[in-house]
Amino acid sequence: MLRLFLGIPLPPQHALALSAICVGLRGVRWVDPGNFHVTIRFIGEIDEGMAADLDAEVARLRMPSFSLTLAGVNYFGPAEKPRAVIATLDQEPGLIHLFEKIGTIMWRIGLPPDHRRFIPHVTLAYCAVPNPAEVLGFLASNNLFRLQPFIVDRFHLIRSYLTKAGSFYEDVASYPLI
């Protein structure tokens, strides 16, 4: 079984800028900057045949490139026990359109729909034993965080390996946008 997701890598200068704010929180596991990405769709564990079907369908997808802007920070989970600290993105119609096209492909090949609301983000840290006051302080200190837009001209099918030290990612395929 392969644990897969579709994601957009960050340009190195954006990953570096994000890593610079990843300090000052106890009880969290910071994500390695080399693993920063925008998840389009988490697929989960599927067999190699289904992965090949997914790859073939996604490779046929045609849509124009678009830009993304990292702007702000937030968290997932309840305020008293955040699960993850994230960098947020400005709403971009191109990203929403890509997400919807991927959803159609997933349905067409028989993968279950994802009923969660799509919240484009980059995960910065996973909260093991978070201090909610520190998380709110982190948000306040970085609420004006904003980077220059970057062009998304491709996205990747990524395999995820879970380890005790965190996740390790391997690009399986790359899909250009026109």
Protein backbone atom coordinates (compact mmCIF):
# COMPACT_ATOMS: atom_id res chain seq x y z
CA MET A 1 0.00 0.00 0.00
CA LEU A 2 1.13 3.50 -0.81
CA ARG A 3 0.29 6.52 1.38
CA LEU A 4 -0.16 9.38 -1.07
CA PHE A 5 -1.23 12.98 -1.44
CA LEU A 6 -1.20 15.64 -4.14
CA GLY A 7 0.67 18.80 -3.23
CA ILE A 8 2.37 21.96 -4.37
CA PRO A 9 5.99 22.43 -3.33
CA LEU A 10 7.13 25.81 -2.09
CA PRO A 11 9.94 27.73 -3.76
CA PRO A 12 13.13 27.44 -1.65
CA GLN A 13 13.09 31.15 -0.70
CA HIS A 14 9.52 30.82 0.61
CA ALA A 15 10.39 27.71 2.63
CA LEU A 16 13.39 29.58 4.09
CA ALA A 17 11.25 32.59 5.02
CA LEU A 18 8.67 30.33 6.66
CA SER A 19 11.33 28.44 8.59
CA ALA A 20 12.54 31.74 10.06
CA ILE A 21 9.28 32.19 11.98
CA CYS A 22 9.21 28.60 13.25
CA VAL A 23 10.48 29.36 16.75
CA GLY A 24 9.21 30.05 20.22
CA LEU A 25 6.65 27.33 20.82
CA ARG A 26 7.08 24.54 23.33
CA GLY A 27 5.22 21.27 22.99
CA VAL A 28 5.23 21.27 19.19
CA ARG A 29 7.12 19.35 16.52
CA TRP A 30 8.21 21.75 13.82
CA VAL A 31 7.93 20.51 10.24
CA ASP A 32 11.23 20.27 8.39
CA PRO A 33 11.31 23.15 5.87
CA GLY A 34 12.12 20.64 3.12
CA ASN A 35 8.65 19.16 3.75
CA PHE A 36 6.72 22.44 3.45
CA HIS A 37 4.00 22.13 0.82
CA VAL A 38 0.39 23.05 0.09
CA THR A 39 -1.73 19.90 0.15
CA ILE A 40 -4.27 19.84 -2.65
CA ARG A 41 -5.74 16.49 -1.65
CA PHE A 42 -4.73 13.82 0.85
CA ILE A 43 -5.42 10.45 -0.77
CA GLY A 44 -4.37 8.06 1.97
CA GLU A 45 -3.34 4.45 1.55
CA ILE A 46 -4.11 2.89 -1.82
CA ASP A 47 -2.70 -0.04 -3.75
CA GLU A 48 -0.30 0.33 -6.66
CA GLY A 49 -3.01 -0.34 -9.26
CA MET A 50 -5.19 2.48 -7.96
CA ALA A 51 -2.09 4.71 -7.73
CA ALA A 52 -1.36 3.99 -11.41
CA ASP A 53 -4.97 4.84 -12.33
CA LEU A 54 -4.73 8.08 -10.35
CA ASP A 55 -1.44 9.01 -12.01
CA ALA A 56 -2.83 8.34 -15.51
CA GLU A 57 -5.93 10.47 -14.89
CA VAL A 58 -4.11 13.34 -13.21
CA ALA A 59 -1.53 13.38 -16.03
CA ARG A 60 -4.38 14.19 -18.45
CA LEU A 61 -5.46 17.24 -16.44
CA ARG A 62 -5.01 20.53 -18.28
CA MET A 63 -5.33 23.91 -16.66
CA PRO A 64 -3.35 27.14 -16.52
CA SER A 65 -0.75 28.01 -13.93
CA PHE A 66 -1.72 30.43 -11.17
CA SER A 67 -0.09 32.32 -8.32
CA LEU A 68 -0.29 31.75 -4.57
CA THR A 69 0.44 34.12 -1.71
CA LEU A 70 1.36 32.96 1.78
CA ALA A 71 -0.27 35.45 4.12
CA GLY A 72 -0.80 35.00 7.85
CA VAL A 73 -0.73 32.20 10.40
CA ASN A 74 -3.43 30.27 12.19
CA TYR A 75 -4.06 26.89 13.82
CA PHE A 76 -6.28 23.84 13.42
CA GLY A 77 -8.23 22.42 16.32
CA PRO A 78 -9.95 23.94 19.32
CA ALA A 79 -8.41 27.02 20.94
CA GLU A 80 -7.79 25.14 24.19
CA LYS A 81 -5.86 22.38 22.39
CA PRO A 82 -4.59 23.31 18.92
CA ARG A 83 -3.56 20.33 16.73
CA ALA A 84 -1.37 22.16 14.21
CA VAL A 85 0.08 25.61 13.53
CA ILE A 86 -0.24 26.66 9.90
CA ALA A 87 0.66 29.39 7.44
CA THR A 88 -2.43 30.48 5.54
CA LEU A 89 -2.82 31.47 1.90
CA ASP A 90 -4.84 34.17 0.19
CA GLN A 91 -7.85 32.74 -1.62
CA GLU A 92 -6.89 31.92 -5.20
CA PRO A 93 -9.50 30.79 -7.73
CA GLY A 94 -6.88 28.75 -9.63
CA LEU A 95 -6.12 26.64 -6.55
CA ILE A 96 -9.83 26.09 -5.84
CA HIS A 97 -10.35 25.07 -9.47
CA LEU A 98 -7.44 22.60 -9.27
CA PHE A 99 -8.86 21.16 -6.03
CA GLU A 100 -12.26 20.69 -7.69
CA LYS A 101 -10.76 19.03 -10.78
CA ILE A 102 -8.79 16.65 -8.56
CA GLY A 103 -12.00 15.83 -6.67
CA THR A 104 -13.70 14.93 -9.95
CA ILE A 105 -10.78 12.69 -10.92
CA MET A 106 -10.87 10.96 -7.53
CA TRP A 107 -14.60 10.30 -7.86
CA ARG A 108 -14.16 9.03 -11.44
CA ILE A 109 -11.57 6.42 -10.43
CA GLY A 110 -13.53 5.31 -7.38
CA LEU A 111 -11.75 7.01 -4.49
CA PRO A 112 -13.99 8.37 -1.73
CA PRO A 113 -14.76 12.10 -1.63
CA ASP A 114 -13.21 14.29 1.03
CA HIS A 115 -16.07 16.00 2.85
CA ARG A 116 -13.86 18.37 4.83
CA ARG A 117 -13.75 22.02 3.85
CA PHE A 118 -10.68 22.82 1.75
CA ILE A 119 -8.47 25.20 3.72
CA PRO A 120 -5.29 25.90 1.74
CA HIS A 121 -2.35 26.05 4.12
CA VAL A 122 1.22 25.03 4.88
CA THR A 123 1.63 23.06 8.11
CA LEU A 124 4.40 24.59 10.23
CA ALA A 125 4.12 22.48 13.39
CA TYR A 126 2.17 19.64 14.96
CA CYS A 127 1.11 20.27 18.53
CA ALA A 128 1.87 17.42 20.93
CA VAL A 129 1.38 19.23 24.22
CA PRO A 130 0.62 22.79 23.16
CA ASN A 131 0.44 25.79 25.42
CA PRO A 132 -2.61 27.63 24.04
CA ALA A 133 -1.36 30.99 25.32
CA GLU A 134 1.96 30.48 23.51
CA VAL A 135 0.14 29.53 20.31
CA LEU A 136 -1.96 32.70 20.53
CA GLY A 137 1.24 34.67 21.17
CA PHE A 138 2.83 33.09 18.10
CA LEU A 139 -0.20 34.07 16.02
CA ALA A 140 -0.11 37.63 17.34
CA SER A 141 3.63 37.94 16.65
CA ASN A 142 3.25 36.68 13.09
CA ASN A 143 -0.19 37.96 12.09
CA LEU A 144 1.31 40.32 9.50
CA PHE A 145 3.45 37.60 7.94
CA ARG A 146 3.19 37.83 4.16
CA LEU A 147 5.40 36.72 1.29
CA GLN A 148 5.54 37.71 -2.36
CA PRO A 149 3.25 35.64 -4.61
CA PHE A 150 4.79 32.67 -6.37
CA ILE A 151 3.74 30.99 -9.60
CA VAL A 152 2.40 27.45 -9.38
CA ASP A 153 3.36 25.83 -12.67
CA ARG A 154 3.25 22.22 -11.46
CA PHE A 155 2.12 20.02 -8.63
CA HIS A 156 3.23 16.59 -7.43
CA LEU A 157 1.97 13.18 -6.44
CA ILE A 158 3.83 12.60 -3.19
CA ARG A 159 4.39 9.44 -1.20
CA SER A 160 4.45 9.86 2.57
CA TYR A 161 6.42 7.59 4.90
CA LEU A 162 5.58 7.85 8.58
CA THR A 163 8.53 7.57 10.97
CA LYS A 164 9.04 8.27 14.66
CA ALA A 165 10.96 11.41 13.69
CA GLY A 166 8.11 12.66 11.50
CA SER A 167 7.02 12.19 7.92
CA PHE A 168 9.38 11.71 5.01
CA TYR A 169 8.12 12.67 1.54
CA GLU A 170 9.09 11.37 -1.87
CA ASP A 171 7.86 12.86 -5.16
CA VAL A 172 6.35 10.08 -7.25
CA ALA A 173 5.17 12.14 -10.23
CA SER A 174 5.08 15.76 -11.34
CA TYR A 175 2.25 17.35 -13.34
CA PRO A 176 2.83 20.59 -15.25
CA LEU A 177 0.24 23.33 -15.50
CA ILE A 178 0.11 25.18 -18.80
